Every structure is written in C-alpha cells, then in structure tokens.
C-alpha cells in the first residue's frame, strides 16, 4: 500500500511539475505563486525602478543582483529542453507499465533545478541589508493581501 501511495504521489508531482514546465508562454505571475513561490516577486523585479527605489538599492547592489541573475540565466533549461522533458513525462505516463526509476530521475532533475533557484534567491538576498530585506518582506506581505482580497 505504501508503495502504491508513493507511486501515485510521485506521478502527481511529475504531472504538476511537467505541466508547469510545458506552458507555451508561461510568463511571470508576479506574486501569485510565480517562479520564486507564493508571495514572491520574480527576482528580476528588484531591478525595476519602482522596487529598487522603495528598497533604496545602491548602484553597487543593483550591479551585483544583475550579475547574479545573468550568471543564473545560462543555467536555466531552454524551451526545447523543457519540451523534451515534457515528452519524456508523457511517454512515462502513457507507457503500459510505470517505470519508477525513470520517474525518480525526472523528479531528481526537477529538484536540482529548484535547488539552484533557491540558491540564487539566497545569494540575491545576501546582497540586501537587513533593512532592505524587511522592506521587501513588507512589500511581499502587501502583495499577498491584495491578491487574496481580489480572489475572495
């Protein structure tokens, strides 16, 4: 029974992550569970004038953040790679028998990708002062409260 539950959980996770990766034009979902998670604005938004002014980012901080984001850009999978992963996932789901090893391999790649994104987020946060982090946390909280008011 545990094995069946694990298999179903694994398959569900694959379905959801593959659907998220396969969108033709996913675009940013600012503050709505987008790439950096619920209530998180995409990291590149820190460089927008309005946000950088509210955070009072220095030119040095902006340059450091931009450098981190550009370095990470090369690590992201291309659209073709994401489509290939989606095809692998679909083949796995359409196969007459479930290949747990293949499913685990696909999930492991997804975990590695998410871990890289978390590291990037951490590195960017280390560029900010504690006061700027607090201001950013307040901005995120306001964004979330506006989002939930809109959808209640």
N, C-alpha and C. Protein backbone atom coordinates (compact mmCIF):
# COMPACT_ATOMS: atom_id res chain seq x y z
N UNK A 1 0.82 -1.19 0.00
CA UNK A 1 0.00 0.00 0.00
C UNK A 1 0.87 1.27 0.00
N UNK A 2 1.96 1.22 0.82
CA UNK A 2 2.85 2.37 0.85
C UNK A 2 3.47 2.61 -0.52
N UNK A 3 3.83 1.53 -1.17
CA UNK A 3 4.44 1.63 -2.50
C UNK A 3 3.48 2.27 -3.50
N UNK A 4 2.23 1.87 -3.44
CA UNK A 4 1.22 2.45 -4.33
C UNK A 4 1.05 3.93 -4.04
N UNK A 5 1.00 4.28 -2.75
CA UNK A 5 0.84 5.68 -2.36
C UNK A 5 2.04 6.50 -2.86
N UNK A 6 3.26 5.98 -2.66
CA UNK A 6 4.45 6.69 -3.13
C UNK A 6 4.44 6.86 -4.64
N UNK A 7 4.02 5.83 -5.32
CA UNK A 7 3.97 5.88 -6.78
C UNK A 7 2.97 6.92 -7.25
N UNK A 8 1.80 6.94 -6.63
CA UNK A 8 0.78 7.93 -7.00
C UNK A 8 1.24 9.34 -6.66
N UNK A 9 1.88 9.50 -5.52
CA UNK A 9 2.39 10.81 -5.14
C UNK A 9 3.45 11.27 -6.12
N UNK A 10 4.33 10.38 -6.47
CA UNK A 10 5.38 10.69 -7.43
C UNK A 10 4.80 11.06 -8.79
N UNK A 11 3.82 10.30 -9.23
CA UNK A 11 3.18 10.58 -10.52
C UNK A 11 2.48 11.93 -10.49
N UNK A 12 1.81 12.24 -9.38
CA UNK A 12 1.13 13.53 -9.25
C UNK A 12 2.13 14.68 -9.32
N UNK A 13 3.23 14.52 -8.61
CA UNK A 13 4.26 15.56 -8.63
C UNK A 13 4.82 15.75 -10.03
N UNK A 14 5.03 14.65 -10.73
CA UNK A 14 5.51 14.74 -12.10
C UNK A 14 4.52 15.46 -13.00
N UNK A 15 3.25 15.12 -12.85
CA UNK A 15 2.22 15.76 -13.68
C UNK A 15 2.22 17.26 -13.45
N UNK A 16 2.22 17.66 -12.19
CA UNK A 16 2.15 19.08 -11.89
C UNK A 16 3.41 19.82 -12.33
N UNK A 17 4.57 19.24 -12.07
CA UNK A 17 5.79 19.94 -12.46
C UNK A 17 5.95 19.97 -13.98
N UNK A 18 5.55 18.90 -14.64
CA UNK A 18 5.67 18.88 -16.10
C UNK A 18 4.71 19.87 -16.74
N UNK A 19 3.51 19.98 -16.19
CA UNK A 19 2.56 20.96 -16.73
C UNK A 19 3.10 22.36 -16.56
N UNK A 20 3.70 22.62 -15.42
CA UNK A 20 4.25 23.95 -15.17
C UNK A 20 5.39 24.26 -16.13
N UNK A 21 6.19 23.25 -16.44
CA UNK A 21 7.34 23.47 -17.33
C UNK A 21 6.93 23.54 -18.79
N UNK A 22 5.79 22.99 -19.15
CA UNK A 22 5.45 22.82 -20.56
C UNK A 22 4.68 23.97 -21.16
N UNK A 23 4.26 24.95 -20.38
CA UNK A 23 3.46 26.02 -20.92
C UNK A 23 4.13 26.69 -22.10
N UNK A 24 3.34 27.05 -23.12
CA UNK A 24 3.91 27.70 -24.29
C UNK A 24 4.50 29.06 -23.95
N UNK A 25 3.78 29.83 -23.17
CA UNK A 25 4.25 31.14 -22.78
C UNK A 25 3.83 31.39 -21.34
N UNK A 26 4.53 30.79 -20.38
CA UNK A 26 4.08 30.90 -19.01
C UNK A 26 4.11 32.33 -18.48
N UNK A 27 5.08 33.11 -18.86
CA UNK A 27 5.16 34.49 -18.43
C UNK A 27 5.25 34.60 -16.92
N UNK A 28 5.58 35.77 -16.41
CA UNK A 28 5.68 35.93 -14.97
C UNK A 28 4.30 35.99 -14.33
N UNK A 29 4.23 35.47 -13.12
CA UNK A 29 2.99 35.54 -12.35
C UNK A 29 3.32 36.30 -11.08
N UNK A 30 3.55 37.55 -11.22
CA UNK A 30 4.05 38.39 -10.15
C UNK A 30 3.27 38.21 -8.86
N UNK A 31 3.93 37.60 -7.88
CA UNK A 31 3.34 37.49 -6.56
C UNK A 31 2.23 36.47 -6.46
N UNK A 32 1.99 35.68 -7.46
CA UNK A 32 0.87 34.74 -7.41
C UNK A 32 1.39 33.32 -7.53
N UNK A 33 2.39 33.00 -6.78
CA UNK A 33 2.95 31.66 -6.87
C UNK A 33 3.83 31.49 -8.08
N UNK A 34 4.44 32.57 -8.51
CA UNK A 34 5.29 32.52 -9.69
C UNK A 34 6.58 31.77 -9.43
N UNK A 35 7.59 32.04 -10.21
CA UNK A 35 8.81 31.25 -10.15
C UNK A 35 9.46 31.19 -8.77
N UNK A 36 9.36 32.22 -8.01
CA UNK A 36 10.01 32.22 -6.71
C UNK A 36 9.06 31.82 -5.59
N UNK A 37 7.86 31.36 -5.91
CA UNK A 37 6.93 30.85 -4.90
C UNK A 37 5.84 31.84 -4.57
N UNK A 38 4.85 31.39 -3.78
CA UNK A 38 3.72 32.25 -3.42
C UNK A 38 4.19 33.50 -2.69
N UNK A 39 3.71 34.62 -3.13
CA UNK A 39 4.02 35.88 -2.48
C UNK A 39 5.39 36.43 -2.81
N UNK A 40 6.10 35.76 -3.67
CA UNK A 40 7.45 36.20 -4.02
C UNK A 40 7.40 36.84 -5.40
N UNK A 41 7.98 38.03 -5.49
CA UNK A 41 8.07 38.62 -6.81
C UNK A 41 9.27 38.01 -7.51
N UNK A 42 9.23 37.92 -8.81
CA UNK A 42 10.41 37.41 -9.52
C UNK A 42 11.62 38.27 -9.17
N UNK A 43 12.75 37.63 -9.02
CA UNK A 43 13.95 38.34 -8.57
C UNK A 43 14.34 39.50 -9.47
N UNK A 44 14.08 39.38 -10.76
CA UNK A 44 14.46 40.47 -11.67
C UNK A 44 13.67 41.74 -11.39
N UNK A 45 12.54 41.61 -10.69
CA UNK A 45 11.73 42.79 -10.35
C UNK A 45 12.46 43.72 -9.38
N UNK A 46 13.44 43.20 -8.65
CA UNK A 46 14.21 44.04 -7.74
C UNK A 46 14.95 45.14 -8.50
N UNK A 47 15.21 44.91 -9.77
CA UNK A 47 15.95 45.88 -10.57
C UNK A 47 15.04 46.92 -11.22
N UNK A 48 13.74 46.73 -11.15
CA UNK A 48 12.81 47.72 -11.71
C UNK A 48 12.88 48.99 -10.87
N UNK A 49 12.73 50.14 -11.52
CA UNK A 49 12.89 51.43 -10.83
C UNK A 49 12.03 51.54 -9.58
N UNK A 50 10.76 51.20 -9.70
CA UNK A 50 9.84 51.37 -8.58
C UNK A 50 10.27 50.55 -7.36
N UNK A 51 10.64 49.32 -7.60
CA UNK A 51 11.04 48.44 -6.50
C UNK A 51 12.41 48.85 -5.96
N UNK A 52 13.35 49.12 -6.85
CA UNK A 52 14.69 49.47 -6.38
C UNK A 52 14.68 50.80 -5.61
N UNK A 53 13.78 51.71 -5.99
CA UNK A 53 13.66 52.96 -5.24
C UNK A 53 13.09 52.71 -3.86
N UNK A 54 12.06 51.87 -3.77
CA UNK A 54 11.47 51.57 -2.46
C UNK A 54 12.48 50.89 -1.54
N UNK A 55 13.33 50.06 -2.13
CA UNK A 55 14.35 49.37 -1.33
C UNK A 55 15.60 50.22 -1.14
N UNK A 56 15.70 51.32 -1.85
CA UNK A 56 16.87 52.20 -1.81
C UNK A 56 18.15 51.42 -2.15
N UNK A 57 18.08 50.68 -3.25
CA UNK A 57 19.25 49.91 -3.69
C UNK A 57 20.34 50.85 -4.19
N UNK A 58 21.56 50.55 -3.83
CA UNK A 58 22.69 51.33 -4.34
C UNK A 58 23.03 50.81 -5.74
N UNK A 59 23.82 51.59 -6.46
CA UNK A 59 24.25 51.14 -7.80
C UNK A 59 25.06 49.84 -7.70
N UNK A 60 25.85 49.73 -6.65
CA UNK A 60 26.65 48.51 -6.44
C UNK A 60 25.74 47.31 -6.24
N UNK A 61 24.70 47.47 -5.41
CA UNK A 61 23.76 46.37 -5.17
C UNK A 61 23.04 45.98 -6.46
N UNK A 62 22.62 46.98 -7.23
CA UNK A 62 21.95 46.69 -8.50
C UNK A 62 22.87 45.89 -9.42
N UNK A 63 24.13 46.30 -9.49
CA UNK A 63 25.09 45.61 -10.35
C UNK A 63 25.32 44.18 -9.87
N UNK A 64 25.40 43.99 -8.54
CA UNK A 64 25.61 42.64 -8.00
C UNK A 64 24.41 41.74 -8.31
N UNK A 65 23.20 42.27 -8.13
CA UNK A 65 21.99 41.49 -8.40
C UNK A 65 21.91 41.15 -9.88
N UNK A 66 22.19 42.14 -10.72
CA UNK A 66 22.14 41.90 -12.16
C UNK A 66 23.16 40.83 -12.56
N UNK A 67 24.34 40.88 -11.98
CA UNK A 67 25.37 39.90 -12.27
C UNK A 67 24.93 38.49 -11.84
N UNK A 68 24.32 38.37 -10.67
CA UNK A 68 23.83 37.07 -10.19
C UNK A 68 22.75 36.52 -11.12
N UNK A 69 21.81 37.39 -11.51
CA UNK A 69 20.72 36.95 -12.38
C UNK A 69 21.24 36.51 -13.75
N UNK A 70 22.19 37.26 -14.29
CA UNK A 70 22.74 36.91 -15.61
C UNK A 70 23.54 35.61 -15.55
N UNK A 71 24.25 35.39 -14.46
CA UNK A 71 25.01 34.15 -14.31
C UNK A 71 24.06 32.95 -14.22
N UNK A 72 22.93 33.15 -13.57
CA UNK A 72 21.95 32.07 -13.42
C UNK A 72 21.19 31.81 -14.72
N UNK A 73 21.07 32.84 -15.54
CA UNK A 73 20.31 32.72 -16.79
C UNK A 73 20.85 31.59 -17.66
N UNK A 74 22.15 31.42 -17.71
CA UNK A 74 22.75 30.37 -18.51
C UNK A 74 22.48 28.97 -17.97
N UNK A 75 22.12 28.87 -16.70
CA UNK A 75 21.87 27.58 -16.08
C UNK A 75 20.44 27.09 -16.32
N UNK A 76 19.56 28.00 -16.71
CA UNK A 76 18.16 27.60 -16.92
C UNK A 76 18.04 26.71 -18.13
N UNK A 77 17.11 25.74 -18.06
CA UNK A 77 16.90 24.88 -19.23
C UNK A 77 16.23 25.68 -20.36
N UNK A 78 16.59 25.35 -21.58
CA UNK A 78 15.98 26.04 -22.72
C UNK A 78 14.55 25.52 -22.92
N UNK A 79 13.81 26.23 -23.71
CA UNK A 79 12.43 25.82 -24.01
C UNK A 79 12.42 24.43 -24.66
N UNK A 80 13.39 24.17 -25.55
CA UNK A 80 13.47 22.86 -26.19
C UNK A 80 13.74 21.76 -25.18
N UNK A 81 14.62 22.05 -24.21
CA UNK A 81 14.90 21.06 -23.17
C UNK A 81 13.65 20.79 -22.33
N UNK A 82 12.90 21.84 -22.04
CA UNK A 82 11.67 21.66 -21.25
C UNK A 82 10.65 20.85 -22.04
N UNK A 83 10.55 21.11 -23.34
CA UNK A 83 9.63 20.32 -24.17
C UNK A 83 10.05 18.86 -24.22
N UNK A 84 11.35 18.62 -24.28
CA UNK A 84 11.85 17.24 -24.29
C UNK A 84 11.51 16.54 -22.97
N UNK A 85 11.63 17.26 -21.87
CA UNK A 85 11.28 16.68 -20.56
C UNK A 85 9.78 16.38 -20.51
N UNK A 86 8.99 17.26 -21.08
CA UNK A 86 7.55 17.03 -21.11
C UNK A 86 7.23 15.80 -21.94
N UNK A 87 7.92 15.64 -23.05
CA UNK A 87 7.71 14.45 -23.89
C UNK A 87 8.09 13.18 -23.13
N UNK A 88 9.19 13.25 -22.37
CA UNK A 88 9.59 12.10 -21.55
C UNK A 88 8.52 11.78 -20.52
N UNK A 89 7.99 12.83 -19.91
CA UNK A 89 6.94 12.64 -18.91
C UNK A 89 5.70 12.00 -19.54
N UNK A 90 5.29 12.53 -20.68
CA UNK A 90 4.10 11.99 -21.34
C UNK A 90 4.32 10.54 -21.74
N UNK A 91 5.52 10.22 -22.20
CA UNK A 91 5.82 8.83 -22.57
C UNK A 91 5.77 7.94 -21.33
N UNK A 92 6.25 8.44 -20.22
CA UNK A 92 6.20 7.68 -18.97
C UNK A 92 4.76 7.40 -18.56
N UNK A 93 3.92 8.42 -18.67
CA UNK A 93 2.52 8.27 -18.25
C UNK A 93 1.74 7.40 -19.23
N UNK A 94 2.13 7.38 -20.49
CA UNK A 94 1.40 6.59 -21.50
C UNK A 94 1.89 5.15 -21.57
N UNK A 95 3.02 4.86 -20.96
CA UNK A 95 3.58 3.51 -21.03
C UNK A 95 2.65 2.51 -20.34
N UNK A 96 2.62 1.28 -20.82
CA UNK A 96 1.75 0.27 -20.22
C UNK A 96 2.11 -0.03 -18.77
N UNK A 97 3.39 0.11 -18.40
CA UNK A 97 3.78 -0.09 -17.01
C UNK A 97 4.55 1.14 -16.53
N UNK A 98 4.44 1.41 -15.25
CA UNK A 98 5.07 2.59 -14.67
C UNK A 98 6.54 2.30 -14.37
N UNK A 99 7.42 3.13 -14.90
CA UNK A 99 8.86 2.99 -14.67
C UNK A 99 9.26 3.93 -13.53
N UNK A 100 9.30 3.37 -12.33
CA UNK A 100 9.58 4.19 -11.16
C UNK A 100 10.97 4.82 -11.21
N UNK A 101 11.94 4.10 -11.75
CA UNK A 101 13.29 4.66 -11.85
C UNK A 101 13.32 5.88 -12.76
N UNK A 102 12.62 5.81 -13.88
CA UNK A 102 12.56 6.95 -14.80
C UNK A 102 11.85 8.13 -14.13
N UNK A 103 10.77 7.82 -13.41
CA UNK A 103 10.04 8.87 -12.70
C UNK A 103 10.93 9.54 -11.66
N UNK A 104 11.66 8.74 -10.93
CA UNK A 104 12.57 9.31 -9.93
C UNK A 104 13.65 10.18 -10.59
N UNK A 105 14.15 9.74 -11.71
CA UNK A 105 15.17 10.52 -12.42
C UNK A 105 14.61 11.86 -12.87
N UNK A 106 13.39 11.86 -13.39
CA UNK A 106 12.75 13.11 -13.82
C UNK A 106 12.54 14.04 -12.62
N UNK A 107 12.08 13.48 -11.52
CA UNK A 107 11.86 14.29 -10.32
C UNK A 107 13.17 14.82 -9.76
N UNK A 108 14.20 14.02 -9.80
CA UNK A 108 15.50 14.45 -9.29
C UNK A 108 16.02 15.66 -10.07
N UNK A 109 15.84 15.66 -11.37
CA UNK A 109 16.25 16.81 -12.19
C UNK A 109 15.46 18.05 -11.79
N UNK A 110 14.18 17.87 -11.54
CA UNK A 110 13.33 19.00 -11.13
C UNK A 110 13.77 19.54 -9.77
N UNK A 111 14.11 18.65 -8.86
CA UNK A 111 14.57 19.07 -7.54
C UNK A 111 15.88 19.85 -7.67
N UNK A 112 16.79 19.36 -8.49
CA UNK A 112 18.06 20.07 -8.70
C UNK A 112 17.82 21.47 -9.25
N UNK A 113 16.89 21.59 -10.19
CA UNK A 113 16.56 22.89 -10.78
C UNK A 113 16.01 23.84 -9.70
N UNK A 114 15.10 23.34 -8.89
CA UNK A 114 14.51 24.17 -7.83
C UNK A 114 15.57 24.57 -6.80
N UNK A 115 16.48 23.66 -6.49
CA UNK A 115 17.55 23.96 -5.55
C UNK A 115 18.44 25.08 -6.08
N UNK A 116 18.75 25.04 -7.36
CA UNK A 116 19.54 26.12 -7.98
C UNK A 116 18.82 27.46 -7.85
N UNK A 117 17.51 27.44 -8.06
CA UNK A 117 16.74 28.69 -7.94
C UNK A 117 16.72 29.19 -6.51
N UNK A 118 16.63 28.28 -5.56
CA UNK A 118 16.66 28.69 -4.15
C UNK A 118 18.02 29.30 -3.80
N UNK A 119 19.09 28.71 -4.31
CA UNK A 119 20.43 29.25 -4.07
C UNK A 119 20.55 30.66 -4.64
N UNK A 120 20.02 30.85 -5.84
CA UNK A 120 20.05 32.18 -6.46
C UNK A 120 19.29 33.18 -5.58
N UNK A 121 18.10 32.79 -5.14
CA UNK A 121 17.32 33.68 -4.28
C UNK A 121 18.08 34.03 -3.01
N UNK A 122 18.74 33.05 -2.43
CA UNK A 122 19.53 33.29 -1.22
C UNK A 122 20.68 34.25 -1.51
N UNK A 123 21.38 34.01 -2.61
CA UNK A 123 22.50 34.87 -2.98
C UNK A 123 22.04 36.31 -3.19
N UNK A 124 20.90 36.48 -3.83
CA UNK A 124 20.37 37.83 -4.06
C UNK A 124 20.01 38.48 -2.73
N UNK A 125 19.39 37.72 -1.83
CA UNK A 125 19.01 38.28 -0.53
C UNK A 125 20.24 38.70 0.28
N UNK A 126 21.37 38.03 0.08
CA UNK A 126 22.58 38.38 0.82
C UNK A 126 23.15 39.72 0.36
N UNK A 127 22.77 40.17 -0.81
CA UNK A 127 23.21 41.48 -1.31
C UNK A 127 22.49 42.60 -0.56
N UNK A 128 21.26 42.32 -0.10
CA UNK A 128 20.44 43.33 0.57
C UNK A 128 20.84 43.48 2.04
N UNK A 129 20.64 44.69 2.57
CA UNK A 129 20.83 44.91 4.00
C UNK A 129 19.62 44.36 4.74
N UNK A 130 19.72 44.24 6.06
CA UNK A 130 18.59 43.73 6.85
C UNK A 130 17.37 44.65 6.70
N UNK A 131 17.60 45.94 6.67
CA UNK A 131 16.50 46.90 6.50
C UNK A 131 15.82 46.69 5.14
N UNK A 132 16.60 46.48 4.11
CA UNK A 132 16.04 46.25 2.78
C UNK A 132 15.26 44.93 2.74
N UNK A 133 15.77 43.91 3.42
CA UNK A 133 15.05 42.63 3.49
C UNK A 133 13.71 42.81 4.19
N UNK A 134 13.71 43.59 5.27
CA UNK A 134 12.46 43.84 5.99
C UNK A 134 11.46 44.59 5.11
N UNK A 135 11.95 45.59 4.38
CA UNK A 135 11.10 46.34 3.46
C UNK A 135 10.54 45.42 2.38
N UNK A 136 11.38 44.55 1.85
CA UNK A 136 10.94 43.61 0.82
C UNK A 136 9.89 42.65 1.39
N UNK A 137 10.08 42.20 2.62
CA UNK A 137 9.10 41.31 3.26
C UNK A 137 7.76 42.03 3.41
N UNK A 138 7.79 43.32 3.78
CA UNK A 138 6.55 44.10 3.89
C UNK A 138 5.88 44.23 2.52
N UNK A 139 6.67 44.48 1.49
CA UNK A 139 6.11 44.60 0.13
C UNK A 139 5.45 43.29 -0.29
N UNK A 140 6.09 42.18 0.02
CA UNK A 140 5.52 40.87 -0.33
C UNK A 140 4.22 40.63 0.44
N UNK A 141 4.21 41.00 1.70
CA UNK A 141 3.01 40.82 2.53
C UNK A 141 1.85 41.64 1.96
N UNK A 142 2.12 42.87 1.58
CA UNK A 142 1.07 43.71 0.99
C UNK A 142 0.58 43.11 -0.33
N UNK A 143 1.52 42.60 -1.12
CA UNK A 143 1.16 41.99 -2.39
C UNK A 143 0.24 40.79 -2.16
N UNK A 144 0.57 39.98 -1.17
CA UNK A 144 -0.25 38.79 -0.88
C UNK A 144 -1.63 39.20 -0.37
N UNK A 145 -1.69 40.21 0.48
CA UNK A 145 -3.00 40.61 1.00
C UNK A 145 -3.87 41.17 -0.12
N UNK A 146 -3.28 41.91 -1.06
CA UNK A 146 -4.05 42.40 -2.21
C UNK A 146 -4.53 41.24 -3.07
N UNK A 147 -3.67 40.26 -3.26
CA UNK A 147 -4.03 39.10 -4.08
C UNK A 147 -5.20 38.35 -3.46
N UNK A 148 -5.14 38.11 -2.16
CA UNK A 148 -6.21 37.33 -1.54
C UNK A 148 -7.51 38.11 -1.43
N UNK A 149 -7.43 39.44 -1.29
CA UNK A 149 -8.65 40.25 -1.31
C UNK A 149 -9.33 40.13 -2.66
N UNK A 150 -8.52 40.16 -3.71
CA UNK A 150 -9.03 40.10 -5.08
C UNK A 150 -9.73 38.77 -5.35
N UNK A 151 -9.24 37.70 -4.74
CA UNK A 151 -9.73 36.37 -5.05
C UNK A 151 -10.65 35.79 -3.99
N UNK A 152 -11.09 36.59 -3.05
CA UNK A 152 -12.04 36.09 -2.03
C UNK A 152 -13.46 36.20 -2.50
